[in-house]
Amino acid sequence: MSGVWLFKTNGVIQLVENRPSAADHHQHGGDHQARRKALIHLPTGQTVSSYTCLEQILRGLGWERYYGGDPQLFQFHKQSSIDLISLPKDFSRFNSVYMYDIVVKNPNIFHVRDVVV
């Protein structure tokens, strides 16, 4: 799947994913495999499968846990930057919007890929 980023006037960014068309369905042999997004750490090829894993990678990149914000969020900041990464406490809610935020704030380190479930 691919999508388009929509930038709204209130500063909110939203990824609108394209739905597969009938032509895509026929092109792929009619398989019905479910797909989802995964965050990949490019230097190791490792799929980020938990916040423990993600935190270890981010710490190595100079990110630190930020504890001053919303208790419903898991947050990181860099002292050398004004950037803040905010993630839902529940890893099951970690979706492509959060993944792309990490990719943008860590160029050439992470990539988001479609994976078959």
PDB file of N, CA and C in Angstrom:
ATOM      1  N   MET A   1       0.835  -1.174   0.000  1.00  0.00           N
ATOM      2  CA  MET A   1       0.000   0.000   0.000  1.00  0.00           C
ATOM      3  C   MET A   1       0.878   1.234   0.000  1.00  0.00           C
ATOM      4  N   SER A   2       0.334   2.283  -0.540  1.00  0.00           N
ATOM      5  CA  SER A   2       0.999   3.565  -0.494  1.00  0.00           C
ATOM      6  C   SER A   2      -0.033   4.586  -0.069  1.00  0.00           C
ATOM      7  N   GLY A   3       0.389   5.813   0.069  1.00  0.00           N
ATOM      8  CA  GLY A   3      -0.567   6.811   0.510  1.00  0.00           C
ATOM      9  C   GLY A   3      -0.105   8.207   0.203  1.00  0.00           C
ATOM     10  N   VAL A   4      -0.892   9.153   0.695  1.00  0.00           N
ATOM     11  CA  VAL A   4      -0.633  10.561   0.487  1.00  0.00           C
ATOM     12  C   VAL A   4      -0.704  11.242   1.846  1.00  0.00           C
ATOM     13  N   TRP A   5       0.284  12.107   2.114  1.00  0.00           N
ATOM     14  CA  TRP A   5       0.253  12.891   3.343  1.00  0.00           C
ATOM     15  C   TRP A   5      -0.612  14.123   3.117  1.00  0.00           C
ATOM     16  N   LEU A   6      -1.588  14.347   3.982  1.00  0.00           N
ATOM     17  CA  LEU A   6      -2.434  15.537   3.925  1.00  0.00           C
ATOM     18  C   LEU A   6      -1.996  16.491   5.027  1.00  0.00           C
ATOM     19  N   PHE A   7      -1.721  17.732   4.655  1.00  0.00           N
ATOM     20  CA  PHE A   7      -1.341  18.759   5.608  1.00  0.00           C
ATOM     21  C   PHE A   7      -2.540  19.677   5.779  1.00  0.00           C
ATOM     22  N   LYS A   8      -3.127  19.659   6.960  1.00  0.00           N
ATOM     23  CA  LYS A   8      -4.319  20.456   7.220  1.00  0.00           C
ATOM     24  C   LYS A   8      -3.924  21.844   7.730  1.00  0.00           C
ATOM     25  N   THR A   9      -4.842  22.794   7.632  1.00  0.00           N
ATOM     26  CA  THR A   9      -4.553  24.173   8.011  1.00  0.00           C
ATOM     27  C   THR A   9      -4.267  24.330   9.505  1.00  0.00           C
ATOM     28  N   ASN A  10      -4.737  23.409  10.327  1.00  0.00           N
ATOM     29  CA  ASN A  10      -4.484  23.504  11.759  1.00  0.00           C
ATOM     30  C   ASN A  10      -3.158  22.861  12.162  1.00  0.00           C
ATOM     31  N   GLY A  11      -2.331  22.476  11.171  1.00  0.00           N
ATOM     32  CA  GLY A  11      -1.010  21.920  11.452  1.00  0.00           C
ATOM     33  C   GLY A  11      -0.981  20.412  11.618  1.00  0.00           C
ATOM     34  N   VAL A  12      -2.113  19.760  11.523  1.00  0.00           N
ATOM     35  CA  VAL A  12      -2.185  18.312  11.672  1.00  0.00           C
ATOM     36  C   VAL A  12      -1.797  17.642  10.353  1.00  0.00           C
ATOM     37  N   ILE A  13      -0.991  16.595  10.454  1.00  0.00           N
ATOM     38  CA  ILE A  13      -0.578  15.822   9.280  1.00  0.00           C
ATOM     39  C   ILE A  13      -1.225  14.452   9.385  1.00  0.00           C
ATOM     40  N   GLN A  14      -1.766  13.968   8.267  1.00  0.00           N
ATOM     41  CA  GLN A  14      -2.441  12.665   8.273  1.00  0.00           C
ATOM     42  C   GLN A  14      -2.042  11.890   7.029  1.00  0.00           C
ATOM     43  N   LEU A  15      -1.689  10.603   7.214  1.00  0.00           N
ATOM     44  CA  LEU A  15      -1.399   9.731   6.083  1.00  0.00           C
ATOM     45  C   LEU A  15      -2.689   9.048   5.661  1.00  0.00           C
ATOM     46  N   VAL A  16      -3.099   9.278   4.411  1.00  0.00           N
ATOM     47  CA  VAL A  16      -4.277   8.630   3.858  1.00  0.00           C
ATOM     48  C   VAL A  16      -3.765   7.534   2.938  1.00  0.00           C
ATOM     49  N   GLU A  17      -3.975   6.278   3.344  1.00  0.00           N
ATOM     50  CA  GLU A  17      -3.453   5.151   2.576  1.00  0.00           C
ATOM     51  C   GLU A  17      -4.365   4.812   1.419  1.00  0.00           C
ATOM     52  N   ASN A  18      -3.752   4.494   0.276  1.00  0.00           N
ATOM     53  CA  ASN A  18      -4.507   4.064  -0.897  1.00  0.00           C
ATOM     54  C   ASN A  18      -5.023   2.656  -0.669  1.00  0.00           C
ATOM     55  N   ARG A  19      -6.207   2.399  -1.109  1.00  0.00           N
ATOM     56  CA  ARG A  19      -6.783   1.055  -1.042  1.00  0.00           C
ATOM     57  C   ARG A  19      -6.416   0.301  -2.309  1.00  0.00           C
ATOM     58  N   PRO A  20      -6.115  -1.004  -2.214  1.00  0.00           N
ATOM     59  CA  PRO A  20      -5.797  -1.747  -3.431  1.00  0.00           C
ATOM     60  C   PRO A  20      -6.997  -1.793  -4.371  1.00  0.00           C
ATOM     61  N   SER A  21      -6.744  -1.615  -5.666  1.00  0.00           N
ATOM     62  CA  SER A  21      -7.806  -1.645  -6.657  1.00  0.00           C
ATOM     63  C   SER A  21      -8.031  -3.070  -7.135  1.00  0.00           C
ATOM     64  N   ALA A  22      -9.065  -3.265  -7.936  1.00  0.00           N
ATOM     65  CA  ALA A  22      -9.334  -4.582  -8.517  1.00  0.00           C
ATOM     66  C   ALA A  22      -8.168  -5.008  -9.393  1.00  0.00           C
ATOM     67  N   ALA A  23      -7.531  -4.047 -10.089  1.00  0.00           N
ATOM     68  CA  ALA A  23      -6.372  -4.365 -10.933  1.00  0.00           C
ATOM     69  C   ALA A  23      -5.215  -4.881 -10.088  1.00  0.00           C
ATOM     70  N   ASP A  24      -4.999  -4.275  -8.904  1.00  0.00           N
ATOM     71  CA  ASP A  24      -3.949  -4.752  -8.003  1.00  0.00           C
ATOM     72  C   ASP A  24      -4.246  -6.175  -7.560  1.00  0.00           C
ATOM     73  N   HIS A  25      -5.507  -6.444  -7.287  1.00  0.00           N
ATOM     74  CA  HIS A  25      -5.923  -7.772  -6.837  1.00  0.00           C
ATOM     75  C   HIS A  25      -5.589  -8.819  -7.887  1.00  0.00           C
ATOM     76  N   HIS A  26      -5.900  -8.526  -9.157  1.00  0.00           N
ATOM     77  CA  HIS A  26      -5.629  -9.473 -10.231  1.00  0.00           C
ATOM     78  C   HIS A  26      -4.137  -9.584 -10.506  1.00  0.00           C
ATOM     79  N   GLN A  27      -3.428  -8.482 -10.373  1.00  0.00           N
ATOM     80  CA  GLN A  27      -1.999  -8.458 -10.640  1.00  0.00           C
ATOM     81  C   GLN A  27      -1.242  -9.355  -9.665  1.00  0.00           C
ATOM     82  N   HIS A  28      -1.695  -9.470  -8.459  1.00  0.00           N
ATOM     83  CA  HIS A  28      -1.020 -10.266  -7.441  1.00  0.00           C
ATOM     84  C   HIS A  28      -1.606 -11.668  -7.316  1.00  0.00           C
ATOM     85  N   GLY A  29      -2.265 -12.128  -8.341  1.00  0.00           N
ATOM     86  CA  GLY A  29      -2.768 -13.495  -8.338  1.00  0.00           C
ATOM     87  C   GLY A  29      -3.944 -13.732  -7.428  1.00  0.00           C
ATOM     88  N   GLY A  30      -4.588 -12.665  -6.978  1.00  0.00           N
ATOM     89  CA  GLY A  30      -5.780 -12.817  -6.155  1.00  0.00           C
ATOM     90  C   GLY A  30      -5.487 -13.269  -4.732  1.00  0.00           C
ATOM     91  N   ASP A  31      -4.230 -13.143  -4.282  1.00  0.00           N
ATOM     92  CA  ASP A  31      -3.940 -13.575  -2.917  1.00  0.00           C
ATOM     93  C   ASP A  31      -4.634 -12.643  -1.929  1.00  0.00           C
ATOM     94  N   HIS A  32      -4.968 -13.184  -0.778  1.00  0.00           N
ATOM     95  CA  HIS A  32      -5.684 -12.426   0.233  1.00  0.00           C
ATOM     96  C   HIS A  32      -4.849 -12.255   1.491  1.00  0.00           C
ATOM     97  N   GLN A  33      -3.545 -12.145   1.334  1.00  0.00           N
ATOM     98  CA  GLN A  33      -2.678 -11.997   2.491  1.00  0.00           C
ATOM     99  C   GLN A  33      -2.837 -10.600   3.081  1.00  0.00           C
ATOM    100  N   ALA A  34      -2.943 -10.542   4.394  1.00  0.00           N
ATOM    101  CA  ALA A  34      -3.064  -9.259   5.071  1.00  0.00           C
ATOM    102  C   ALA A  34      -1.693  -8.595   5.132  1.00  0.00           C
ATOM    103  N   ARG A  35      -1.697  -7.281   4.990  1.00  0.00           N
ATOM    104  CA  ARG A  35      -0.449  -6.520   5.041  1.00  0.00           C
ATOM    105  C   ARG A  35      -0.566  -5.458   6.127  1.00  0.00           C
ATOM    106  N   ARG A  36       0.559  -5.157   6.718  1.00  0.00           N
ATOM    107  CA  ARG A  36       0.631  -4.072   7.692  1.00  0.00           C
ATOM    108  C   ARG A  36       1.980  -3.387   7.526  1.00  0.00           C
ATOM    109  N   LYS A  37       2.166  -2.290   8.207  1.00  0.00           N
ATOM    110  CA  LYS A  37       3.418  -1.545   8.155  1.00  0.00           C
ATOM    111  C   LYS A  37       4.343  -2.015   9.268  1.00  0.00           C
ATOM    112  N   ALA A  38       5.641  -1.970   8.991  1.00  0.00           N
ATOM    113  CA  ALA A  38       6.642  -2.305  10.003  1.00  0.00           C
ATOM    114  C   ALA A  38       7.755  -1.274   9.933  1.00  0.00           C
ATOM    115  N   LEU A  39       8.289  -0.904  11.086  1.00  0.00           N
ATOM    116  CA  LEU A  39       9.417   0.010  11.167  1.00  0.00           C
ATOM    117  C   LEU A  39      10.695  -0.817  11.156  1.00  0.00           C
ATOM    118  N   ILE A  40      11.579  -0.519  10.213  1.00  0.00           N
ATOM    119  CA  ILE A  40      12.817  -1.272  10.047  1.00  0.00           C
ATOM    120  C   ILE A  40      13.999  -0.378  10.407  1.00  0.00           C
ATOM    121  N   HIS A  41      14.914  -0.894  11.248  1.00  0.00           N
ATOM    122  CA  HIS A  41      16.163  -0.202  11.563  1.00  0.00           C
ATOM    123  C   HIS A  41      17.152  -0.580  10.469  1.00  0.00           C
ATOM    124  N   LEU A  42      17.461   0.354   9.577  1.00  0.00           N
ATOM    125  CA  LEU A  42      18.247   0.065   8.378  1.00  0.00           C
ATOM    126  C   LEU A  42      19.659  -0.481   8.651  1.00  0.00           C
ATOM    127  N   PRO A  43      20.425   0.067   9.609  1.00  0.00           N
ATOM    128  CA  PRO A  43      21.774  -0.456   9.806  1.00  0.00           C
ATOM    129  C   PRO A  43      21.829  -1.947  10.159  1.00  0.00           C
ATOM    130  N   THR A  44      20.792  -2.452  10.835  1.00  0.00           N
ATOM    131  CA  THR A  44      20.791  -3.866  11.237  1.00  0.00           C
ATOM    132  C   THR A  44      19.782  -4.705  10.467  1.00  0.00           C
ATOM    133  N   GLY A  45      18.846  -4.051   9.787  1.00  0.00           N
ATOM    134  CA  GLY A  45      17.773  -4.772   9.104  1.00  0.00           C
ATOM    135  C   GLY A  45      16.729  -5.311  10.064  1.00  0.00           C
ATOM    136  N   GLN A  46      16.818  -4.918  11.328  1.00  0.00           N
ATOM    137  CA  GLN A  46      15.934  -5.402  12.390  1.00  0.00           C
ATOM    138  C   GLN A  46      14.565  -4.724  12.321  1.00  0.00           C
ATOM    139  N   THR A  47      13.504  -5.512  12.472  1.00  0.00           N
ATOM    140  CA  THR A  47      12.148  -4.975  12.585  1.00  0.00           C
ATOM    141  C   THR A  47      11.929  -4.552  14.030  1.00  0.00           C
ATOM    142  N   VAL A  48      11.429  -3.345  14.223  1.00  0.00           N
ATOM    143  CA  VAL A  48      11.131  -2.855  15.574  1.00  0.00           C
ATOM    144  C   VAL A  48       9.843  -3.530  16.026  1.00  0.00           C
ATOM    145  N   SER A  49       9.968  -4.398  17.016  1.00  0.00           N
ATOM    146  CA  SER A  49       8.832  -5.209  17.449  1.00  0.00           C
ATOM    147  C   SER A  49       8.321  -4.853  18.843  1.00  0.00           C
ATOM    148  N   SER A  50       8.988  -3.900  19.512  1.00  0.00           N
ATOM    149  CA  SER A  50       8.554  -3.491  20.846  1.00  0.00           C
ATOM    150  C   SER A  50       9.165  -2.136  21.176  1.00  0.00           C
ATOM    151  N   TYR A  51       8.629  -1.498  22.197  1.00  0.00           N
ATOM    152  CA  TYR A  51       9.202  -0.229  22.631  1.00  0.00           C
ATOM    153  C   TYR A  51      10.563  -0.449  23.279  1.00  0.00           C
ATOM    154  N   THR A  52      10.790  -1.598  23.878  1.00  0.00           N
ATOM    155  CA  THR A  52      12.100  -1.904  24.455  1.00  0.00           C
ATOM    156  C   THR A  52      13.161  -1.880  23.357  1.00  0.00           C
ATOM    157  N   CYS A  53      12.859  -2.522  22.251  1.00  0.00           N
ATOM    158  CA  CYS A  53      13.746  -2.556  21.093  1.00  0.00           C
ATOM    159  C   CYS A  53      13.950  -1.145  20.545  1.00  0.00           C
ATOM    160  N   LEU A  54      12.862  -0.400  20.359  1.00  0.00           N
ATOM    161  CA  LEU A  54      12.934   0.954  19.814  1.00  0.00           C
ATOM    162  C   LEU A  54      13.728   1.869  20.736  1.00  0.00           C
ATOM    163  N   GLU A  55      13.488   1.790  22.034  1.00  0.00           N
ATOM    164  CA  GLU A  55      14.190   2.652  22.982  1.00  0.00           C
ATOM    165  C   GLU A  55      15.695   2.401  22.944  1.00  0.00           C
ATOM    166  N   GLN A  56      16.102   1.168  22.826  1.00  0.00           N
ATOM    167  CA  GLN A  56      17.529   0.829  22.756  1.00  0.00           C
ATOM    168  C   GLN A  56      18.172   1.489  21.520  1.00  0.00           C
ATOM    169  N   ILE A  57      17.497   1.412  20.391  1.00  0.00           N
ATOM    170  CA  ILE A  57      18.020   2.021  19.158  1.00  0.00           C
ATOM    171  C   ILE A  57      18.059   3.540  19.287  1.00  0.00           C
ATOM    172  N   LEU A  58      16.961   4.132  19.775  1.00  0.00           N
ATOM    173  CA  LEU A  58      16.899   5.587  19.899  1.00  0.00           C
ATOM    174  C   LEU A  58      17.949   6.124  20.875  1.00  0.00           C
ATOM    175  N   ARG A  59      18.186   5.416  21.978  1.00  0.00           N
ATOM    176  CA  ARG A  59      19.223   5.847  22.933  1.00  0.00           C
ATOM    177  C   ARG A  59      20.591   5.882  22.265  1.00  0.00           C
ATOM    178  N   GLY A  60      20.848   4.898  21.411  1.00  0.00           N
ATOM    179  CA  GLY A  60      22.107   4.863  20.680  1.00  0.00           C
ATOM    180  C   GLY A  60      22.256   6.025  19.706  1.00  0.00           C
ATOM    181  N   LEU A  61      21.147   6.628  19.326  1.00  0.00           N
ATOM    182  CA  LEU A  61      21.145   7.772  18.414  1.00  0.00           C
ATOM    183  C   LEU A  61      21.106   9.116  19.155  1.00  0.00           C
ATOM    184  N   GLY A  62      21.158   9.061  20.491  1.00  0.00           N
ATOM    185  CA  GLY A  62      21.170  10.294  21.281  1.00  0.00           C
ATOM    186  C   GLY A  62      19.824  10.749  21.798  1.00  0.00           C
ATOM    187  N   TRP A  63      18.776   9.960  21.591  1.00  0.00           N
ATOM    188  CA  TRP A  63      17.451  10.296  22.109  1.00  0.00           C
ATOM    189  C   TRP A  63      17.361   9.866  23.570  1.00  0.00           C
ATOM    190  N   GLU A  64      16.643  10.640  24.369  1.00  0.00           N
ATOM    191  CA  GLU A  64      16.433  10.330  25.783  1.00  0.00           C
ATOM    192  C   GLU A  64      14.946  10.297  26.073  1.00  0.00           C
ATOM    193  N   ARG A  65      14.567   9.510  27.090  1.00  0.00           N
ATOM    194  CA  ARG A  65      13.163   9.493  27.509  1.00  0.00           C
ATOM    195  C   ARG A  65      12.789  10.857  28.052  1.00  0.00           C
ATOM    196  N   TYR A  66      11.589  11.290  27.741  1.00  0.00           N
ATOM    197  CA  TYR A  66      11.043  12.548  28.221  1.00  0.00           C
ATOM    198  C   TYR A  66       9.851  12.201  29.103  1.00  0.00           C
ATOM    199  N   TYR A  67       9.904  12.637  30.367  1.00  0.00           N
ATOM    200  CA  TYR A  67       8.873  12.252  31.325  1.00  0.00           C
ATOM    201  C   TYR A  67       7.946  13.399  31.714  1.00  0.00           C
ATOM    202  N   GLY A  68       8.049  14.562  31.096  1.00  0.00           N
ATOM    203  CA  GLY A  68       7.281  15.720  31.522  1.00  0.00           C
ATOM    204  C   GLY A  68       5.939  15.898  30.852  1.00  0.00           C
ATOM    205  N   GLY A  69       5.577  15.005  29.972  1.00  0.00           N
ATOM    206  CA  GLY A  69       4.366  15.215  29.192  1.00  0.00           C
ATOM    207  C   GLY A  69       3.182  14.387  29.637  1.00  0.00           C
ATOM    208  N   ASP A  70       2.372  14.067  28.692  1.00  0.00           N
ATOM    209  CA  ASP A  70       1.141  13.304  28.868  1.00  0.00           C
ATOM    210  C   ASP A  70       1.456  11.887  29.354  1.00  0.00           C
ATOM    211  N   PRO A  71       0.816  11.425  30.426  1.00  0.00           N
ATOM    212  CA  PRO A  71       1.086  10.067  30.933  1.00  0.00           C
ATOM    213  C   PRO A  71       0.611   8.956  29.983  1.00  0.00           C
ATOM    214  N   GLN A  72      -0.199   9.313  29.004  1.00  0.00           N
ATOM    215  CA  GLN A  72      -0.668   8.329  28.025  1.00  0.00           C
ATOM    216  C   GLN A  72       0.329   8.135  26.881  1.00  0.00           C
ATOM    217  N   LEU A  73       1.429   8.917  26.895  1.00  0.00           N
ATOM    218  CA  LEU A  73       2.403   8.862  25.813  1.00  0.00           C
ATOM    219  C   LEU A  73       3.767   8.387  26.295  1.00  0.00           C
ATOM    220  N   PHE A  74       4.481   7.767  25.407  1.00  0.00           N
ATOM    221  CA  PHE A  74       5.859   7.335  25.575  1.00  0.00           C
ATOM    222  C   PHE A  74       6.646   8.320  24.717  1.00  0.00           C
ATOM    223  N   GLN A  75       7.499   9.180  25.333  1.00  0.00           N
ATOM    224  CA  GLN A  75       8.125  10.259  24.583  1.00  0.00           C
ATOM    225  C   GLN A  75       9.647  10.240  24.667  1.00  0.00           C
ATOM    226  N   PHE A  76      10.285  10.763  23.600  1.00  0.00           N
ATOM    227  CA  PHE A  76      11.735  10.883  23.514  1.00  0.00           C
ATOM    228  C   PHE A  76      12.085  12.265  22.995  1.00  0.00           C
ATOM    229  N   HIS A  77      13.219  12.790  23.459  1.00  0.00           N
ATOM    230  CA  HIS A  77      13.720  14.062  22.925  1.00  0.00           C
ATOM    231  C   HIS A  77      15.236  13.971  22.817  1.00  0.00           C
ATOM    232  N   LYS A  78      15.796  14.887  22.010  1.00  0.00           N
ATOM    233  CA  LYS A  78      17.244  15.013  21.857  1.00  0.00           C
ATOM    234  C   LYS A  78      17.641  16.375  22.386  1.00  0.00           C
ATOM    235  N   GLN A  79      18.695  16.420  23.177  1.00  0.00           N
ATOM    236  CA  GLN A  79      19.130  17.712  23.703  1.00  0.00           C
ATOM    237  C   GLN A  79      19.618  18.631  22.598  1.00  0.00           C
ATOM    238  N   SER A  80      20.129  18.064  21.510  1.00  0.00           N
ATOM    239  CA  SER A  80      20.663  18.866  20.412  1.00  0.00           C
ATOM    240  C   SER A  80      19.579  19.304  19.425  1.00  0.00           C
ATOM    241  N   SER A  81      18.316  19.079  19.763  1.00  0.00           N
ATOM    242  CA  SER A  81      17.228  19.332  18.828  1.00  0.00           C
ATOM    243  C   SER A  81      15.974  19.785  19.564  1.00  0.00           C
ATOM    244  N   ILE A  82      15.052  20.375  18.829  1.00  0.00           N
ATOM    245  CA  ILE A  82      13.748  20.718  19.414  1.00  0.00           C
ATOM    246  C   ILE A  82      12.730  19.612  19.158  1.00  0.00           C
ATOM    247  N   ASP A  83      13.150  18.548  18.459  1.00  0.00           N
ATOM    248  CA  ASP A  83      12.241  17.455  18.109  1.00  0.00           C
ATOM    249  C   ASP A  83      11.811  16.650  19.330  1.00  0.00           C
ATOM    250  N   LEU A  84      10.580  16.181  19.271  1.00  0.00           N
ATOM    251  CA  LEU A  84      10.021  15.305  20.287  1.00  0.00           C
ATOM    252  C   LEU A  84       9.285  14.186  19.569  1.00  0.00           C
ATOM    253  N   ILE A  85       9.565  12.970  19.958  1.00  0.00           N
ATOM    254  CA  ILE A  85       8.846  11.811  19.415  1.00  0.00           C
ATOM    255  C   ILE A  85       7.828  11.400  20.460  1.00  0.00           C
ATOM    256  N   SER A  86       6.554  11.399  20.093  1.00  0.00           N
ATOM    257  CA  SER A  86       5.477  11.015  21.004  1.00  0.00           C
ATOM    258  C   SER A  86       4.779   9.788  20.446  1.00  0.00           C
ATOM    259  N   LEU A  87       4.690   8.752  21.264  1.00  0.00           N
ATOM    260  CA  LEU A  87       4.112   7.471  20.857  1.00  0.00           C
ATOM    261  C   LEU A  87       3.051   7.046  21.860  1.00  0.00           C
ATOM    262  N   PRO A  88       2.035   6.305  21.426  1.00  0.00           N
ATOM    263  CA  PRO A  88       1.037   5.824  22.388  1.00  0.00           C
ATOM    264  C   PRO A  88       1.672   4.811  23.339  1.00  0.00           C
ATOM    265  N   LYS A  89       1.298   4.843  24.609  1.00  0.00           N
ATOM    266  CA  LYS A  89       1.854   3.891  25.595  1.00  0.00           C
ATOM    267  C   LYS A  89       1.646   2.438  25.170  1.00  0.00           C
ATOM    268  N   ASP A  90       0.524   2.168  24.548  1.00  0.00           N
ATOM    269  CA  ASP A  90       0.172   0.816  24.120  1.00  0.00           C
ATOM    270  C   ASP A  90       0.810   0.542  22.753  1.00  0.00           C
ATOM    271  N   PHE A  91       1.784  -0.381  22.694  1.00  0.00           N
ATOM    272  CA  PHE A  91       2.502  -0.660  21.442  1.00  0.00           C
ATOM    273  C   PHE A  91       1.564  -1.166  20.348  1.00  0.00           C
ATOM    274  N   SER A  92       0.440  -1.756  20.698  1.00  0.00           N
ATOM    275  CA  SER A  92      -0.495  -2.244  19.680  1.00  0.00           C
ATOM    276  C   SER A  92      -1.115  -1.087  18.891  1.00  0.00           C
ATOM    277  N   ARG A  93      -1.024   0.138  19.408  1.00  0.00           N
ATOM    278  CA  ARG A  93      -1.535   1.332  18.712  1.00  0.00           C
ATOM    279  C   ARG A  93      -0.438   2.040  17.913  1.00  0.00           C
ATOM    280  N   PHE A  94       0.774   1.492  17.918  1.00  0.00           N
ATOM    281  CA  PHE A  94       1.914   2.038  17.176  1.00  0.00           C
ATOM    282  C   PHE A  94       1.685   1.749  15.694  1.00  0.00           C
ATOM    283  N   ASN A  95       1.308   2.784  14.930  1.00  0.00           N
ATOM    284  CA  ASN A  95       0.955   2.584  13.523  1.00  0.00           C
ATOM    285  C   ASN A  95       1.853   3.393  12.601  1.00  0.00           C
ATOM    286  N   SER A  96       1.532   3.417  11.322  1.00  0.00           N
ATOM    287  CA  SER A  96       2.396   4.043  10.323  1.00  0.00           C
ATOM    288  C   SER A  96       2.614   5.538  10.556  1.00  0.00           C
ATOM    289  N   VAL A  97       1.653   6.242  11.119  1.00  0.00           N
ATOM    290  CA  VAL A  97       1.831   7.675  11.382  1.00  0.00           C
ATOM    291  C   VAL A  97       2.998   7.886  12.343  1.00  0.00           C
ATOM    292  N   TYR A  98       3.054   7.100  13.415  1.00  0.00           N
ATOM    293  CA  TYR A  98       4.148   7.203  14.389  1.00  0.00           C
ATOM    294  C   TYR A  98       5.466   6.737  13.761  1.00  0.00           C
ATOM    295  N   MET A  99       5.394   5.698  12.947  1.00  0.00           N
ATOM    296  CA  MET A  99       6.599   5.178  12.290  1.00  0.00           C
ATOM    297  C   MET A  99       7.216   6.227  11.382  1.00  0.00           C
ATOM    298  N   TYR A 100       6.380   6.893  10.573  1.00  0.00           N
ATOM    299  CA  TYR A 100       6.895   7.914   9.664  1.00  0.00           C
ATOM    300  C   TYR A 100       7.450   9.113  10.424  1.00  0.00           C
ATOM    301  N   ASP A 101       6.903   9.427  11.587  1.00  0.00           N
ATOM    302  CA  ASP A 101       7.443  10.500  12.411  1.00  0.00           C
ATOM    303  C   ASP A 101       8.873  10.162  12.835  1.00  0.00           C
ATOM    304  N   ILE A 102       9.099   8.912  13.205  1.00  0.00           N
ATOM    305  CA  ILE A 102      10.440   8.464  13.589  1.00  0.00           C
ATOM    306  C   ILE A 102      11.381   8.517  12.388  1.00  0.00           C
ATOM    307  N   VAL A 103      10.898   8.099  11.225  1.00  0.00           N
ATOM    308  CA  VAL A 103      11.718   8.122  10.006  1.00  0.00           C
ATOM    309  C   VAL A 103      12.146   9.559   9.674  1.00  0.00           C
ATOM    310  N   VAL A 104      11.221  10.504   9.735  1.00  0.00           N
ATOM    311  CA  VAL A 104      11.519  11.894   9.400  1.00  0.00           C
ATOM    312  C   VAL A 104      12.545  12.485  10.365  1.00  0.00           C
ATOM    313  N   LYS A 105      12.457  12.122  11.636  1.00  0.00           N
ATOM    314  CA  LYS A 105      13.352  12.695  12.644  1.00  0.00           C
ATOM    315  C   LYS A 105      14.683  11.951  12.753  1.00  0.00           C
ATOM    316  N   ASN A 106      14.816  10.838  12.023  1.00  0.00           N
ATOM    317  CA  ASN A 106      16.045  10.047  12.006  1.00  0.00           C
ATOM    318  C   ASN A 106      16.347   9.612  10.580  1.00  0.00           C
ATOM    319  N   PRO A 107      16.691  10.567   9.707  1.00  0.00           N
ATOM    320  CA  PRO A 107      16.895  10.231   8.292  1.00  0.00           C
ATOM    321  C   PRO A 107      17.986   9.183   8.090  1.00  0.00           C
ATOM    322  N   ASN A 108      17.742   8.276   7.160  1.00  0.00           N
ATOM    323  CA  ASN A 108      18.683   7.211   6.779  1.00  0.00           C
ATOM    324  C   ASN A 108      18.927   6.174   7.873  1.00  0.00           C
ATOM    325  N   ILE A 109      18.115   6.178   8.911  1.00  0.00           N
ATOM    326  CA  ILE A 109      18.268   5.209  10.000  1.00  0.00           C
ATOM    327  C   ILE A 109      17.104   4.229  10.024  1.00  0.00           C
ATOM    328  N   PHE A 110      15.904   4.714   9.719  1.00  0.00           N
ATOM    329  CA  PHE A 110      14.707   3.885   9.748  1.00  0.00           C
ATOM    330  C   PHE A 110      14.003   3.948   8.398  1.00  0.00           C
ATOM    331  N   HIS A 111      13.178   2.933   8.154  1.00  0.00           N
ATOM    332  CA  HIS A 111      12.367   2.852   6.940  1.00  0.00           C
ATOM    333  C   HIS A 111      11.071   2.135   7.304  1.00  0.00           C
ATOM    334  N   VAL A 112       9.966   2.509   6.669  1.00  0.00           N
ATOM    335  CA  VAL A 112       8.699   1.836   6.885  1.00  0.00           C
ATOM    336  C   VAL A 112       8.433   0.955   5.666  1.00  0.00           C
ATOM    337  N   ARG A 113       8.107  -0.316   5.929  1.00  0.00           N
ATOM    338  CA  ARG A 113       7.842  -1.264   4.844  1.00  0.00           C
ATOM    339  C   ARG A 113       6.515  -1.971   5.092  1.00  0.00           C
ATOM    340  N   ASP A 114       5.913  -2.412   3.983  1.00  0.00           N
ATOM    341  CA  ASP A 114       4.756  -3.291   4.070  1.00  0.00           C
ATOM    342  C   ASP A 114       5.258  -4.692   4.375  1.00  0.00           C
ATOM    343  N   VAL A 115       4.594  -5.370   5.294  1.00  0.00           N
ATOM    344  CA  VAL A 115       4.926  -6.756   5.601  1.00  0.00           C
ATOM    345  C   VAL A 115       3.664  -7.584   5.537  1.00  0.00           C
ATOM    346  N   VAL A 116       3.796  -8.839   5.160  1.00  0.00           N
ATOM    347  CA  VAL A 116       2.665  -9.753   5.112  1.00  0.00           C
ATOM    348  C   VAL A 116       2.472 -10.331   6.501  1.00  0.00           C
ATOM    349  N   VAL A 117       1.223 -10.288   6.967  1.00  0.00           N
ATOM    350  CA  VAL A 117       0.897 -10.808   8.298  1.00  0.00           C
ATOM    351  C   VAL A 117       0.506 -12.257   8.192  1.00  0.00           C
TER     352      VAL A 117
END
